[in-house]
Amino acid sequence: MPETTEIRELTRKRGGVNPKLTNFVKHVVPIYNTFKINPSLDDDVIIKLQNRFDKLEIIYNEFEGIQLAIESLSPDDVLEGHYKERDEFTDKYNKYYAITKKMLNANVGDQISNNKSRSRSCSGS
């Protein structure tokens, strides 16, 4: 069965979401490579990473909405390809979500510890 115009348009829209995730990954990978060597990240890096991380769920929700529409309109004989697209996107999203969360958790904990020790040293003077 041929693709409908609506499915083609949705597929194009989905194709516009994939680069957003790829762009996120492109920014996270070098930070993660640094993190593996030295888990303590600079404050400005943490802030930028948190900002990008906050937008990551929006990217996922955008993909999910488009993907559900594609799957609901697609004939059974092409669904497997759409499921594969979903799996690839979701796997990539989950991998870099976890990596980013790990870096943020490690550094937010460090910041809290550093702030407590700074306040103790200030109050002890």
PDB file of N, CA and C in Angstrom:
ATOM      1  N   MET A   1       0.851  -1.186   0.000  1.00  0.00           N
ATOM      2  CA  MET A   1       0.000   0.000   0.000  1.00  0.00           C
ATOM      3  C   MET A   1       0.894   1.246   0.000  1.00  0.00           C
ATOM      4  N   PRO A   2       0.639   2.204  -0.876  1.00  0.00           N
ATOM      5  CA  PRO A   2       1.480   3.399  -0.939  1.00  0.00           C
ATOM      6  C   PRO A   2       1.293   4.283   0.295  1.00  0.00           C
ATOM      7  N   GLU A   3       2.362   5.027   0.604  1.00  0.00           N
ATOM      8  CA  GLU A   3       2.302   5.959   1.727  1.00  0.00           C
ATOM      9  C   GLU A   3       1.356   7.104   1.408  1.00  0.00           C
ATOM     10  N   THR A   4       0.613   7.525   2.400  1.00  0.00           N
ATOM     11  CA  THR A   4      -0.253   8.684   2.199  1.00  0.00           C
ATOM     12  C   THR A   4       0.577   9.959   2.343  1.00  0.00           C
ATOM     13  N   THR A   5       0.027  11.037   1.868  1.00  0.00           N
ATOM     14  CA  THR A   5       0.695  12.335   2.000  1.00  0.00           C
ATOM     15  C   THR A   5       0.902  12.677   3.470  1.00  0.00           C
ATOM     16  N   GLU A   6      -0.082  12.335   4.285  1.00  0.00           N
ATOM     17  CA  GLU A   6       0.012  12.628   5.720  1.00  0.00           C
ATOM     18  C   GLU A   6       1.163  11.860   6.367  1.00  0.00           C
ATOM     19  N   ILE A   7       1.317  10.591   6.013  1.00  0.00           N
ATOM     20  CA  ILE A   7       2.416   9.796   6.570  1.00  0.00           C
ATOM     21  C   ILE A   7       3.760  10.351   6.104  1.00  0.00           C
ATOM     22  N   ARG A   8       3.848  10.733   4.842  1.00  0.00           N
ATOM     23  CA  ARG A   8       5.100  11.321   4.333  1.00  0.00           C
ATOM     24  C   ARG A   8       5.448  12.597   5.097  1.00  0.00           C
ATOM     25  N   GLU A   9       4.449  13.423   5.339  1.00  0.00           N
ATOM     26  CA  GLU A   9       4.674  14.671   6.072  1.00  0.00           C
ATOM     27  C   GLU A   9       5.112  14.387   7.512  1.00  0.00           C
ATOM     28  N   LEU A  10       4.455  13.449   8.159  1.00  0.00           N
ATOM     29  CA  LEU A  10       4.832  13.077   9.527  1.00  0.00           C
ATOM     30  C   LEU A  10       6.241  12.486   9.569  1.00  0.00           C
ATOM     31  N   THR A  11       6.581  11.683   8.578  1.00  0.00           N
ATOM     32  CA  THR A  11       7.917  11.091   8.510  1.00  0.00           C
ATOM     33  C   THR A  11       8.968  12.188   8.363  1.00  0.00           C
ATOM     34  N   ARG A  12       8.669  13.201   7.575  1.00  0.00           N
ATOM     35  CA  ARG A  12       9.569  14.350   7.428  1.00  0.00           C
ATOM     36  C   ARG A  12       9.722  15.089   8.763  1.00  0.00           C
ATOM     37  N   LYS A  13       8.614  15.268   9.458  1.00  0.00           N
ATOM     38  CA  LYS A  13       8.663  15.932  10.769  1.00  0.00           C
ATOM     39  C   LYS A  13       9.493  15.119  11.754  1.00  0.00           C
ATOM     40  N   ARG A  14       9.305  13.802  11.735  1.00  0.00           N
ATOM     41  CA  ARG A  14      10.090  12.926  12.610  1.00  0.00           C
ATOM     42  C   ARG A  14      11.574  13.057  12.271  1.00  0.00           C
ATOM     43  N   GLY A  15      11.863  13.152  10.979  1.00  0.00           N
ATOM     44  CA  GLY A  15      13.239  13.345  10.536  1.00  0.00           C
ATOM     45  C   GLY A  15      13.841  14.648  11.032  1.00  0.00           C
ATOM     46  N   GLY A  16      13.006  15.611  11.335  1.00  0.00           N
ATOM     47  CA  GLY A  16      13.479  16.869  11.901  1.00  0.00           C
ATOM     48  C   GLY A  16      13.755  16.790  13.392  1.00  0.00           C
ATOM     49  N   VAL A  17      13.193  15.793  14.063  1.00  0.00           N
ATOM     50  CA  VAL A  17      13.417  15.620  15.500  1.00  0.00           C
ATOM     51  C   VAL A  17      14.729  14.874  15.748  1.00  0.00           C
ATOM     52  N   ASN A  18      15.054  13.918  14.906  1.00  0.00           N
ATOM     53  CA  ASN A  18      16.278  13.128  15.084  1.00  0.00           C
ATOM     54  C   ASN A  18      17.533  13.991  15.216  1.00  0.00           C
ATOM     55  N   PRO A  19      17.712  15.025  14.390  1.00  0.00           N
ATOM     56  CA  PRO A  19      18.909  15.860  14.549  1.00  0.00           C
ATOM     57  C   PRO A  19      18.969  16.602  15.891  1.00  0.00           C
ATOM     58  N   LYS A  20      17.822  16.859  16.487  1.00  0.00           N
ATOM     59  CA  LYS A  20      17.817  17.508  17.802  1.00  0.00           C
ATOM     60  C   LYS A  20      18.456  16.595  18.842  1.00  0.00           C
ATOM     61  N   LEU A  21      18.127  15.306  18.783  1.00  0.00           N
ATOM     62  CA  LEU A  21      18.739  14.349  19.702  1.00  0.00           C
ATOM     63  C   LEU A  21      20.224  14.187  19.379  1.00  0.00           C
ATOM     64  N   THR A  22      20.553  14.121  18.107  1.00  0.00           N
ATOM     65  CA  THR A  22      21.953  14.000  17.692  1.00  0.00           C
ATOM     66  C   THR A  22      22.758  15.209  18.169  1.00  0.00           C
ATOM     67  N   ASN A  23      22.181  16.387  18.100  1.00  0.00           N
ATOM     68  CA  ASN A  23      22.848  17.598  18.577  1.00  0.00           C
ATOM     69  C   ASN A  23      23.092  17.525  20.084  1.00  0.00           C
ATOM     70  N   PHE A  24      22.122  17.026  20.822  1.00  0.00           N
ATOM     71  CA  PHE A  24      22.284  16.833  22.266  1.00  0.00           C
ATOM     72  C   PHE A  24      23.460  15.900  22.531  1.00  0.00           C
ATOM     73  N   VAL A  25      23.484  14.774  21.821  1.00  0.00           N
ATOM     74  CA  VAL A  25      24.554  13.783  21.984  1.00  0.00           C
ATOM     75  C   VAL A  25      25.907  14.414  21.660  1.00  0.00           C
ATOM     76  N   LYS A  26      25.941  15.201  20.598  1.00  0.00           N
ATOM     77  CA  LYS A  26      27.184  15.852  20.168  1.00  0.00           C
ATOM     78  C   LYS A  26      27.757  16.746  21.273  1.00  0.00           C
ATOM     79  N   HIS A  27      26.906  17.349  22.072  1.00  0.00           N
ATOM     80  CA  HIS A  27      27.368  18.191  23.172  1.00  0.00           C
ATOM     81  C   HIS A  27      27.714  17.375  24.420  1.00  0.00           C
ATOM     82  N   VAL A  28      27.032  16.277  24.633  1.00  0.00           N
ATOM     83  CA  VAL A  28      27.239  15.476  25.840  1.00  0.00           C
ATOM     84  C   VAL A  28      28.514  14.630  25.765  1.00  0.00           C
ATOM     85  N   VAL A  29      28.814  14.072  24.612  1.00  0.00           N
ATOM     86  CA  VAL A  29      29.938  13.132  24.486  1.00  0.00           C
ATOM     87  C   VAL A  29      31.266  13.737  24.949  1.00  0.00           C
ATOM     88  N   PRO A  30      31.661  14.938  24.500  1.00  0.00           N
ATOM     89  CA  PRO A  30      32.940  15.470  24.988  1.00  0.00           C
ATOM     90  C   PRO A  30      32.939  15.743  26.496  1.00  0.00           C
ATOM     91  N   ILE A  31      31.808  16.166  27.019  1.00  0.00           N
ATOM     92  CA  ILE A  31      31.710  16.395  28.464  1.00  0.00           C
ATOM     93  C   ILE A  31      31.861  15.063  29.191  1.00  0.00           C
ATOM     94  N   TYR A  32      31.231  14.026  28.671  1.00  0.00           N
ATOM     95  CA  TYR A  32      31.323  12.705  29.294  1.00  0.00           C
ATOM     96  C   TYR A  32      32.752  12.166  29.232  1.00  0.00           C
ATOM     97  N   ASN A  33      33.440  12.396  28.129  1.00  0.00           N
ATOM     98  CA  ASN A  33      34.833  11.956  28.023  1.00  0.00           C
ATOM     99  C   ASN A  33      35.696  12.636  29.081  1.00  0.00           C
ATOM    100  N   THR A  34      35.451  13.906  29.342  1.00  0.00           N
ATOM    101  CA  THR A  34      36.150  14.626  30.409  1.00  0.00           C
ATOM    102  C   THR A  34      35.743  14.081  31.770  1.00  0.00           C
ATOM    103  N   PHE A  35      34.459  13.844  31.943  1.00  0.00           N
ATOM    104  CA  PHE A  35      33.909  13.339  33.204  1.00  0.00           C
ATOM    105  C   PHE A  35      34.531  12.000  33.598  1.00  0.00           C
ATOM    106  N   LYS A  36      34.778  11.134  32.614  1.00  0.00           N
ATOM    107  CA  LYS A  36      35.374   9.820  32.901  1.00  0.00           C
ATOM    108  C   LYS A  36      36.785   9.966  33.462  1.00  0.00           C
ATOM    109  N   ILE A  37      37.489  11.023  33.080  1.00  0.00           N
ATOM    110  CA  ILE A  37      38.844  11.275  33.575  1.00  0.00           C
ATOM    111  C   ILE A  37      38.796  12.033  34.900  1.00  0.00           C
ATOM    112  N   ASN A  38      37.955  13.049  34.952  1.00  0.00           N
ATOM    113  CA  ASN A  38      37.814  13.882  36.145  1.00  0.00           C
ATOM    114  C   ASN A  38      36.332  14.188  36.351  1.00  0.00           C
ATOM    115  N   PRO A  39      35.684  13.481  37.283  1.00  0.00           N
ATOM    116  CA  PRO A  39      34.232  13.627  37.464  1.00  0.00           C
ATOM    117  C   PRO A  39      33.760  15.001  37.943  1.00  0.00           C
ATOM    118  N   SER A  40      34.678  15.854  38.357  1.00  0.00           N
ATOM    119  CA  SER A  40      34.286  17.175  38.835  1.00  0.00           C
ATOM    120  C   SER A  40      34.241  18.154  37.660  1.00  0.00           C
ATOM    121  N   LEU A  41      33.045  18.578  37.300  1.00  0.00           N
ATOM    122  CA  LEU A  41      32.857  19.486  36.165  1.00  0.00           C
ATOM    123  C   LEU A  41      32.756  20.927  36.650  1.00  0.00           C
ATOM    124  N   ASP A  42      33.184  21.863  35.800  1.00  0.00           N
ATOM    125  CA  ASP A  42      33.069  23.288  36.114  1.00  0.00           C
ATOM    126  C   ASP A  42      31.597  23.678  36.237  1.00  0.00           C
ATOM    127  N   ASP A  43      31.338  24.694  37.043  1.00  0.00           N
ATOM    128  CA  ASP A  43      29.964  25.154  37.264  1.00  0.00           C
ATOM    129  C   ASP A  43      29.261  25.540  35.968  1.00  0.00           C
ATOM    130  N   ASP A  44      29.956  26.258  35.076  1.00  0.00           N
ATOM    131  CA  ASP A  44      29.306  26.683  33.832  1.00  0.00           C
ATOM    132  C   ASP A  44      28.969  25.490  32.943  1.00  0.00           C
ATOM    133  N   VAL A  45      29.802  24.458  32.973  1.00  0.00           N
ATOM    134  CA  VAL A  45      29.515  23.234  32.209  1.00  0.00           C
ATOM    135  C   VAL A  45      28.276  22.544  32.783  1.00  0.00           C
ATOM    136  N   ILE A  46      28.185  22.501  34.095  1.00  0.00           N
ATOM    137  CA  ILE A  46      27.033  21.876  34.756  1.00  0.00           C
ATOM    138  C   ILE A  46      25.746  22.628  34.407  1.00  0.00           C
ATOM    139  N   ILE A  47      25.808  23.942  34.437  1.00  0.00           N
ATOM    140  CA  ILE A  47      24.625  24.755  34.125  1.00  0.00           C
ATOM    141  C   ILE A  47      24.172  24.527  32.686  1.00  0.00           C
ATOM    142  N   LYS A  48      25.122  24.546  31.755  1.00  0.00           N
ATOM    143  CA  LYS A  48      24.785  24.318  30.344  1.00  0.00           C
ATOM    144  C   LYS A  48      24.247  22.910  30.130  1.00  0.00           C
ATOM    145  N   LEU A  49      24.865  21.944  30.800  1.00  0.00           N
ATOM    146  CA  LEU A  49      24.415  20.557  30.683  1.00  0.00           C
ATOM    147  C   LEU A  49      22.999  20.401  31.240  1.00  0.00           C
ATOM    148  N   GLN A  50      22.732  21.025  32.375  1.00  0.00           N
ATOM    149  CA  GLN A  50      21.393  20.965  32.971  1.00  0.00           C
ATOM    150  C   GLN A  50      20.361  21.605  32.048  1.00  0.00           C
ATOM    151  N   ASN A  51      20.726  22.710  31.426  1.00  0.00           N
ATOM    152  CA  ASN A  51      19.822  23.393  30.500  1.00  0.00           C
ATOM    153  C   ASN A  51      19.470  22.486  29.320  1.00  0.00           C
ATOM    154  N   ARG A  52      20.469  21.856  28.750  1.00  0.00           N
ATOM    155  CA  ARG A  52      20.221  20.932  27.634  1.00  0.00           C
ATOM    156  C   ARG A  52      19.396  19.730  28.101  1.00  0.00           C
ATOM    157  N   PHE A  53      19.724  19.233  29.281  1.00  0.00           N
ATOM    158  CA  PHE A  53      19.014  18.077  29.836  1.00  0.00           C
ATOM    159  C   PHE A  53      17.536  18.398  30.053  1.00  0.00           C
ATOM    160  N   ASP A  54      17.254  19.602  30.518  1.00  0.00           N
ATOM    161  CA  ASP A  54      15.866  20.018  30.746  1.00  0.00           C
ATOM    162  C   ASP A  54      15.048  20.004  29.453  1.00  0.00           C
ATOM    163  N   LYS A  55      15.700  20.246  28.321  1.00  0.00           N
ATOM    164  CA  LYS A  55      15.014  20.264  27.029  1.00  0.00           C
ATOM    165  C   LYS A  55      14.919  18.880  26.391  1.00  0.00           C
ATOM    166  N   LEU A  56      15.644  17.921  26.929  1.00  0.00           N
ATOM    167  CA  LEU A  56      15.689  16.589  26.325  1.00  0.00           C
ATOM    168  C   LEU A  56      14.322  15.908  26.323  1.00  0.00           C
ATOM    169  N   GLU A  57      13.576  16.039  27.395  1.00  0.00           N
ATOM    170  CA  GLU A  57      12.252  15.413  27.465  1.00  0.00           C
ATOM    171  C   GLU A  57      11.295  16.007  26.429  1.00  0.00           C
ATOM    172  N   ILE A  58      11.453  17.286  26.143  1.00  0.00           N
ATOM    173  CA  ILE A  58      10.630  17.931  25.112  1.00  0.00           C
ATOM    174  C   ILE A  58      10.892  17.276  23.759  1.00  0.00           C
ATOM    175  N   ILE A  59      12.164  17.009  23.474  1.00  0.00           N
ATOM    176  CA  ILE A  59      12.539  16.343  22.222  1.00  0.00           C
ATOM    177  C   ILE A  59      11.901  14.961  22.162  1.00  0.00           C
ATOM    178  N   TYR A  60      11.984  14.228  23.267  1.00  0.00           N
ATOM    179  CA  TYR A  60      11.405  12.882  23.295  1.00  0.00           C
ATOM    180  C   TYR A  60       9.891  12.939  23.086  1.00  0.00           C
ATOM    181  N   ASN A  61       9.227  13.844  23.759  1.00  0.00           N
ATOM    182  CA  ASN A  61       7.768  13.953  23.631  1.00  0.00           C
ATOM    183  C   ASN A  61       7.350  14.340  22.216  1.00  0.00           C
ATOM    184  N   GLU A  62       8.138  15.199  21.585  1.00  0.00           N
ATOM    185  CA  GLU A  62       7.861  15.582  20.199  1.00  0.00           C
ATOM    186  C   GLU A  62       7.972  14.354  19.286  1.00  0.00           C
ATOM    187  N   PHE A  63       9.053  13.598  19.463  1.00  0.00           N
ATOM    188  CA  PHE A  63       9.238  12.382  18.673  1.00  0.00           C
ATOM    189  C   PHE A  63       8.088  11.406  18.917  1.00  0.00           C
ATOM    190  N   GLU A  64       7.756  11.199  20.169  1.00  0.00           N
ATOM    191  CA  GLU A  64       6.720  10.231  20.546  1.00  0.00           C
ATOM    192  C   GLU A  64       5.376  10.576  19.908  1.00  0.00           C
ATOM    193  N   GLY A  65       4.996  11.844  19.939  1.00  0.00           N
ATOM    194  CA  GLY A  65       3.727  12.265  19.340  1.00  0.00           C
ATOM    195  C   GLY A  65       3.682  12.006  17.844  1.00  0.00           C
ATOM    196  N   ILE A  66       4.764  12.360  17.168  1.00  0.00           N
ATOM    197  CA  ILE A  66       4.833  12.136  15.719  1.00  0.00           C
ATOM    198  C   ILE A  66       4.842  10.642  15.417  1.00  0.00           C
ATOM    199  N   GLN A  67       5.629   9.901  16.174  1.00  0.00           N
ATOM    200  CA  GLN A  67       5.762   8.463  15.947  1.00  0.00           C
ATOM    201  C   GLN A  67       4.426   7.744  16.141  1.00  0.00           C
ATOM    202  N   LEU A  68       3.699   8.105  17.181  1.00  0.00           N
ATOM    203  CA  LEU A  68       2.383   7.487  17.410  1.00  0.00           C
ATOM    204  C   LEU A  68       1.434   7.760  16.249  1.00  0.00           C
ATOM    205  N   ALA A  69       1.473   8.980  15.732  1.00  0.00           N
ATOM    206  CA  ALA A  69       0.618   9.326  14.590  1.00  0.00           C
ATOM    207  C   ALA A  69       1.003   8.507  13.362  1.00  0.00           C
ATOM    208  N   ILE A  70       2.297   8.373  13.114  1.00  0.00           N
ATOM    209  CA  ILE A  70       2.767   7.572  11.973  1.00  0.00           C
ATOM    210  C   ILE A  70       2.302   6.129  12.119  1.00  0.00           C
ATOM    211  N   GLU A  71       2.497   5.564  13.298  1.00  0.00           N
ATOM    212  CA  GLU A  71       2.127   4.164  13.521  1.00  0.00           C
ATOM    213  C   GLU A  71       0.623   3.948  13.398  1.00  0.00           C
ATOM    214  N   SER A  72      -0.159   4.911  13.853  1.00  0.00           N
ATOM    215  CA  SER A  72      -1.615   4.731  13.787  1.00  0.00           C
ATOM    216  C   SER A  72      -2.143   4.836  12.357  1.00  0.00           C
ATOM    217  N   LEU A  73      -1.443   5.565  11.507  1.00  0.00           N
ATOM    218  CA  LEU A  73      -1.882   5.739  10.118  1.00  0.00           C
ATOM    219  C   LEU A  73      -1.270   4.725   9.150  1.00  0.00           C
ATOM    220  N   SER A  74      -0.233   4.040   9.587  1.00  0.00           N
ATOM    221  CA  SER A  74       0.504   3.148   8.683  1.00  0.00           C
ATOM    222  C   SER A  74      -0.161   1.788   8.552  1.00  0.00           C
ATOM    223  N   PRO A  75      -0.113   1.231   7.345  1.00  0.00           N
ATOM    224  CA  PRO A  75      -0.608  -0.135   7.158  1.00  0.00           C
ATOM    225  C   PRO A  75       0.332  -1.132   7.846  1.00  0.00           C
ATOM    226  N   ASP A  76      -0.215  -2.280   8.179  1.00  0.00           N
ATOM    227  CA  ASP A  76       0.538  -3.289   8.920  1.00  0.00           C
ATOM    228  C   ASP A  76       1.840  -3.697   8.243  1.00  0.00           C
ATOM    229  N   ASP A  77       1.855  -3.721   6.922  1.00  0.00           N
ATOM    230  CA  ASP A  77       3.038  -4.223   6.218  1.00  0.00           C
ATOM    231  C   ASP A  77       4.265  -3.311   6.331  1.00  0.00           C
ATOM    232  N   VAL A  78       4.112  -2.085   6.823  1.00  0.00           N
ATOM    233  CA  VAL A  78       5.267  -1.198   6.990  1.00  0.00           C
ATOM    234  C   VAL A  78       5.526  -0.826   8.457  1.00  0.00           C
ATOM    235  N   LEU A  79       4.715  -1.349   9.348  1.00  0.00           N
ATOM    236  CA  LEU A  79       4.865  -1.000  10.762  1.00  0.00           C
ATOM    237  C   LEU A  79       6.219  -1.409  11.327  1.00  0.00           C
ATOM    238  N   GLU A  80       6.748  -2.531  10.895  1.00  0.00           N
ATOM    239  CA  GLU A  80       8.023  -3.018  11.430  1.00  0.00           C
ATOM    240  C   GLU A  80       9.133  -1.969  11.275  1.00  0.00           C
ATOM    241  N   GLY A  81       9.177  -1.318  10.131  1.00  0.00           N
ATOM    242  CA  GLY A  81      10.174  -0.266   9.902  1.00  0.00           C
ATOM    243  C   GLY A  81       9.994   0.914  10.847  1.00  0.00           C
ATOM    244  N   HIS A  82       8.754   1.262  11.115  1.00  0.00           N
ATOM    245  CA  HIS A  82       8.481   2.361  12.043  1.00  0.00           C
ATOM    246  C   HIS A  82       8.829   1.967  13.478  1.00  0.00           C
ATOM    247  N   TYR A  83       8.571   0.706  13.829  1.00  0.00           N
ATOM    248  CA  TYR A  83       8.946   0.226  15.164  1.00  0.00           C
ATOM    249  C   TYR A  83      10.458   0.258  15.341  1.00  0.00           C
ATOM    250  N   LYS A  84      11.181  -0.089  14.286  1.00  0.00           N
ATOM    251  CA  LYS A  84      12.647  -0.059  14.330  1.00  0.00           C
ATOM    252  C   LYS A  84      13.134   1.373  14.559  1.00  0.00           C
ATOM    253  N   GLU A  85      12.516   2.314  13.871  1.00  0.00           N
ATOM    254  CA  GLU A  85      12.862   3.736  14.040  1.00  0.00           C
ATOM    255  C   GLU A  85      12.632   4.165  15.488  1.00  0.00           C
ATOM    256  N   ARG A  86      11.512   3.749  16.059  1.00  0.00           N
ATOM    257  CA  ARG A  86      11.199   4.063  17.460  1.00  0.00           C
ATOM    258  C   ARG A  86      12.256   3.473  18.390  1.00  0.00           C
ATOM    259  N   ASP A  87      12.591   2.204  18.175  1.00  0.00           N
ATOM    260  CA  ASP A  87      13.573   1.538  19.032  1.00  0.00           C
ATOM    261  C   ASP A  87      14.928   2.234  18.990  1.00  0.00           C
ATOM    262  N   GLU A  88      15.372   2.598  17.796  1.00  0.00           N
ATOM    263  CA  GLU A  88      16.671   3.264  17.652  1.00  0.00           C
ATOM    264  C   GLU A  88      16.683   4.612  18.368  1.00  0.00           C
ATOM    265  N   PHE A  89      15.621   5.379  18.189  1.00  0.00           N
ATOM    266  CA  PHE A  89      15.540   6.689  18.829  1.00  0.00           C
ATOM    267  C   PHE A  89      15.481   6.529  20.347  1.00  0.00           C
ATOM    268  N   THR A  90      14.635   5.626  20.813  1.00  0.00           N
ATOM    269  CA  THR A  90      14.458   5.422  22.251  1.00  0.00           C
ATOM    270  C   THR A  90      15.735   4.913  22.905  1.00  0.00           C
ATOM    271  N   ASP A  91      16.432   3.992  22.243  1.00  0.00           N
ATOM    272  CA  ASP A  91      17.695   3.484  22.790  1.00  0.00           C
ATOM    273  C   ASP A  91      18.719   4.606  22.939  1.00  0.00           C
ATOM    274  N   LYS A  92      18.836   5.425  21.921  1.00  0.00           N
ATOM    275  CA  LYS A  92      19.788   6.543  21.948  1.00  0.00           C
ATOM    276  C   LYS A  92      19.387   7.546  23.036  1.00  0.00           C
ATOM    277  N   TYR A  93      18.105   7.860  23.093  1.00  0.00           N
ATOM    278  CA  TYR A  93      17.597   8.784  24.109  1.00  0.00           C
ATOM    279  C   TYR A  93      17.909   8.264  25.512  1.00  0.00           C
ATOM    280  N   ASN A  94      17.575   7.001  25.779  1.00  0.00           N
ATOM    281  CA  ASN A  94      17.782   6.431  27.111  1.00  0.00           C
ATOM    282  C   ASN A  94      19.254   6.382  27.494  1.00  0.00           C
ATOM    283  N   LYS A  95      20.104   6.040  26.544  1.00  0.00           N
ATOM    284  CA  LYS A  95      21.545   5.970  26.818  1.00  0.00           C
ATOM    285  C   LYS A  95      22.079   7.334  27.253  1.00  0.00           C
ATOM    286  N   TYR A  96      21.770   8.365  26.496  1.00  0.00           N
ATOM    287  CA  TYR A  96      22.328   9.682  26.803  1.00  0.00           C
ATOM    288  C   TYR A  96      21.576  10.395  27.916  1.00  0.00           C
ATOM    289  N   TYR A  97      20.345  10.031  28.149  1.00  0.00           N
ATOM    290  CA  TYR A  97      19.620  10.507  29.329  1.00  0.00           C
ATOM    291  C   TYR A  97      20.345  10.014  30.579  1.00  0.00           C
ATOM    292  N   ALA A  98      20.656   8.710  30.600  1.00  0.00           N
ATOM    293  CA  ALA A  98      21.316   8.111  31.762  1.00  0.00           C
ATOM    294  C   ALA A  98      22.712   8.695  31.980  1.00  0.00           C
ATOM    295  N   ILE A  99      23.471   8.848  30.909  1.00  0.00           N
ATOM    296  CA  ILE A  99      24.819   9.417  31.014  1.00  0.00           C
ATOM    297  C   ILE A  99      24.756  10.832  31.583  1.00  0.00           C
ATOM    298  N   THR A 100      23.846  11.634  31.059  1.00  0.00           N
ATOM    299  CA  THR A 100      23.729  13.020  31.508  1.00  0.00           C
ATOM    300  C   THR A 100      23.267  13.087  32.953  1.00  0.00           C
ATOM    301  N   LYS A 101      22.295  12.265  33.300  1.00  0.00           N
ATOM    302  CA  LYS A 101      21.786  12.231  34.678  1.00  0.00           C
ATOM    303  C   LYS A 101      22.904  11.844  35.645  1.00  0.00           C
ATOM    304  N   LYS A 102      23.716  10.879  35.253  1.00  0.00           N
ATOM    305  CA  LYS A 102      24.844  10.432  36.079  1.00  0.00           C
ATOM    306  C   LYS A 102      25.821  11.586  36.329  1.00  0.00           C
ATOM    307  N   MET A 103      26.158  12.319  35.279  1.00  0.00           N
ATOM    308  CA  MET A 103      27.092  13.442  35.433  1.00  0.00           C
ATOM    309  C   MET A 103      26.503  14.539  36.310  1.00  0.00           C
ATOM    310  N   LEU A 104      25.239  14.851  36.087  1.00  0.00           N
ATOM    311  CA  LEU A 104      24.596  15.900  36.881  1.00  0.00           C
ATOM    312  C   LEU A 104      24.480  15.489  38.344  1.00  0.00           C
ATOM    313  N   ASN A 105      24.067  14.261  38.594  1.00  0.00           N
ATOM    314  CA  ASN A 105      23.946  13.790  39.974  1.00  0.00           C
ATOM    315  C   ASN A 105      25.286  13.830  40.695  1.00  0.00           C
ATOM    316  N   ALA A 106      26.348  13.407  40.027  1.00  0.00           N
ATOM    317  CA  ALA A 106      27.674  13.399  40.638  1.00  0.00           C
ATOM    318  C   ALA A 106      28.128  14.817  40.968  1.00  0.00           C
ATOM    319  N   ASN A 107      27.829  15.751  40.102  1.00  0.00           N
ATOM    320  CA  ASN A 107      28.316  17.107  40.300  1.00  0.00           C
ATOM    321  C   ASN A 107      27.422  17.951  41.186  1.00  0.00           C
ATOM    322  N   VAL A 108      26.145  17.704  41.179  1.00  0.00           N
ATOM    323  CA  VAL A 108      25.262  18.423  42.101  1.00  0.00           C
ATOM    324  C   VAL A 108      25.601  18.014  43.524  1.00  0.00           C
ATOM    325  N   GLY A 109      25.854  16.732  43.737  1.00  0.00           N
ATOM    326  CA  GLY A 109      26.281  16.258  45.056  1.00  0.00           C
ATOM    327  C   GLY A 109      27.588  16.894  45.478  1.00  0.00           C
ATOM    328  N   ASP A 110      28.540  17.009  44.542  1.00  0.00           N
ATOM    329  CA  ASP A 110      29.820  17.659  44.832  1.00  0.00           C
ATOM    330  C   ASP A 110      29.623  19.123  45.188  1.00  0.00           C
ATOM    331  N   GLN A 111      28.747  19.807  44.450  1.00  0.00           N
ATOM    332  CA  GLN A 111      28.507  21.224  44.729  1.00  0.00           C
ATOM    333  C   GLN A 111      27.921  21.413  46.122  1.00  0.00           C
ATOM    334  N   ILE A 112      27.002  20.557  46.507  1.00  0.00           N
ATOM    335  CA  ILE A 112      26.394  20.654  47.836  1.00  0.00           C
ATOM    336  C   ILE A 112      27.458  20.423  48.905  1.00  0.00           C
ATOM    337  N   SER A 113      28.290  19.385  48.707  1.00  0.00           N
ATOM    338  CA  SER A 113      29.365  19.099  49.661  1.00  0.00           C
ATOM    339  C   SER A 113      30.341  20.260  49.749  1.00  0.00           C
ATOM    340  N   ASN A 114      30.719  20.810  48.601  1.00  0.00           N
ATOM    341  CA  ASN A 114      31.657  21.938  48.588  1.00  0.00           C
ATOM    342  C   ASN A 114      31.062  23.159  49.277  1.00  0.00           C
ATOM    343  N   ASN A 115      29.784  23.423  49.051  1.00  0.00           N
ATOM    344  CA  ASN A 115      29.136  24.569  49.693  1.00  0.00           C
ATOM    345  C   ASN A 115      29.078  24.389  51.201  1.00  0.00           C
ATOM    346  N   LYS A 116      28.802  23.166  51.660  1.00  0.00           N
ATOM    347  CA  LYS A 116      28.750  22.904  53.102  1.00  0.00           C
ATOM    348  C   LYS A 116      30.124  23.083  53.725  1.00  0.00           C
ATOM    349  N   SER A 117      31.165  22.556  53.070  1.00  0.00           N
ATOM    350  CA  SER A 117      32.500  22.688  53.646  1.00  0.00           C
ATOM    351  C   SER A 117      32.970  24.140  53.601  1.00  0.00           C
ATOM    352  N   ARG A 118      32.580  24.896  52.579  1.00  0.00           N
ATOM    353  CA  ARG A 118      32.926  26.320  52.530  1.00  0.00           C
ATOM    354  C   ARG A 118      32.242  27.067  53.668  1.00  0.00           C
ATOM    355  N   SER A 119      30.970  26.760  53.903  1.00  0.00           N
ATOM    356  CA  SER A 119      30.251  27.476  54.958  1.00  0.00           C
ATOM    357  C   SER A 119      30.797  27.093  56.335  1.00  0.00           C
ATOM    358  N   ARG A 120      31.240  25.842  56.503  1.00  0.00           N
ATOM    359  CA  ARG A 120      31.846  25.440  57.775  1.00  0.00           C
ATOM    360  C   ARG A 120      33.163  26.182  57.992  1.00  0.00           C
ATOM    361  N   SER A 121      33.965  26.278  56.932  1.00  0.00           N
ATOM    362  CA  SER A 121      35.258  26.945  57.089  1.00  0.00           C
ATOM    363  C   SER A 121      35.066  28.446  57.313  1.00  0.00           C
ATOM    364  N   CYS A 122      34.028  29.022  56.745  1.00  0.00           N
ATOM    365  CA  CYS A 122      33.750  30.445  56.957  1.00  0.00           C
ATOM    366  C   CYS A 122      33.241  30.687  58.371  1.00  0.00           C
ATOM    367  N   SER A 123      32.394  29.808  58.860  1.00  0.00           N
ATOM    368  CA  SER A 123      31.826  30.003  60.192  1.00  0.00           C
ATOM    369  C   SER A 123      32.835  29.646  61.277  1.00  0.00           C
ATOM    370  N   GLY A 124      33.828  28.833  60.937  1.00  0.00           N
ATOM    371  CA  GLY A 124      34.838  28.441  61.912  1.00  0.00           C
ATOM    372  C   GLY A 124      35.918  29.485  62.073  1.00  0.00           C
ATOM    373  N   SER A 125      35.953  30.514  61.241  1.00  0.00           N
ATOM    374  CA  SER A 125      37.009  31.526  61.321  1.00  0.00           C
ATOM    375  C   SER A 125      36.740  32.551  62.368  1.00  0.00           C
TER     376      SER A 125
END
